[in-house]
Amino acid sequence: MRVVPYIIVLVFVFFYSGRAQSENGLVNWVSFKEAQEKNKIQQKPFIIDIYTDWCGWCKRMMQTTYSNPTIAQYINTNFYPVKFNAETKDTIEFNGKIYKPLSKDPKTPHELAIKFLGQSLSYPSTFFVTNNFEYNLLSQGYMEEKRIEPLLVFMVENVWRSASFDDFNLKFSQTFYNDSLASKAKINIVSIKEVEQLNKKKRKKVLVNITSNFCNSCKVQEKTTFNDTSIAKIINNYFYFINFNAETNDTIIFKGQRYYKTLVNNYPLHNLLLKLTNNRYGFPALCVLDEDLNTIEAINFYQHPKQLKIILEYFYTNEYKKTTWNEFLKNRTIIKENKKK
């Protein structure tokens, strides 16, 4: 797992007003060949700026968004950025395939541009690709900072694995730009020390929400998912809920064992993180513990309220003891369809 904590939190501070007046902005653009060679050594997602020489808004985006020091630093740290002229006459190899110019005539789109954009040849366009080429996402048109921010986080923090961009984008906006639209339901939060005492009086399953200071999707999940009225009601009824920051300096005693901050993957994190997730973690992580405080499951990455509601149902009904997750979803769908008839 790749952890780059010191940069992510910088995205949401006030932007520096000075702009670098450069045709390339402040982003360290590389070629397709260089990006793919570097990716073999250290994996990162790709961000591909698709432009043309005659596109005024493409130049504008370089002068503004890509000249924002914070945005550029985030991209340079977390992506392999490629600046791609959609009308280039070069032959390009991408993901093991060769793409060529379709004509020597000017203003003719390249074969790879058509691969990325289809029939919607609009510029600028921004194409995101995961490090293993498993998932891609296209955004077309000029993007100011506020529009590109959720896209960057969506890719870097693996939100694409668990949510659609449209769902995440709405919650991202509610978290950082329009908090008044977010629900204000409250979850009863307890400490790790308290939960052991509470469980002696009334046994419940436990949810441990594992976050970090550098994780933006953690903030979105905390502000919107856990503040969702239906989610808060389920958690308060069926679980004890713990917020655990994996960067805490506190020494914690859990089930008679002492846990503390140490190096985890060469970054200082609390080693209780490894215990709770069974050494299988991403940020955010939601750990489901049984009544004896043993980990049942560690659910990694951001969860939208509508997805988390189903996940919680699987555990508080004890269906996890009877059937697999996929079978549970299938049976749930069948029941739902029968009710409609």
Foldseek 3Di string as FASTA:
>chain_A
DDDDQPQQLLLQDDWDPDFDQDQQALAPADAQVVQLVVCVVPFAKEKEWEAAPPDPLSSVLSRAASNTVSNRVLCNVGHRYHYHHQQDQDWDDHPRDIWGQPDPDPPGGTRVCCVQQPPNNAPGKMKMAGRVRPDIDIDGDRDHSLRCSLVSLCRRQVQVVADDSVLLSVLLCCQRPNVVPAAQADADADELVVLVVVLVVPFAKAKEWEAEPRRSLSSSCVSHQCRDPVNRVLCNVGYHYYYHYQQDQDWDAHPNDIWGWDADVHDTTICVVCQQAVNDEGPGWMFIAGRVRHTPHIRYDHHRNVRVSLVSCCPSVVVVVVDPPVVSVVVVVVVVVVVVD
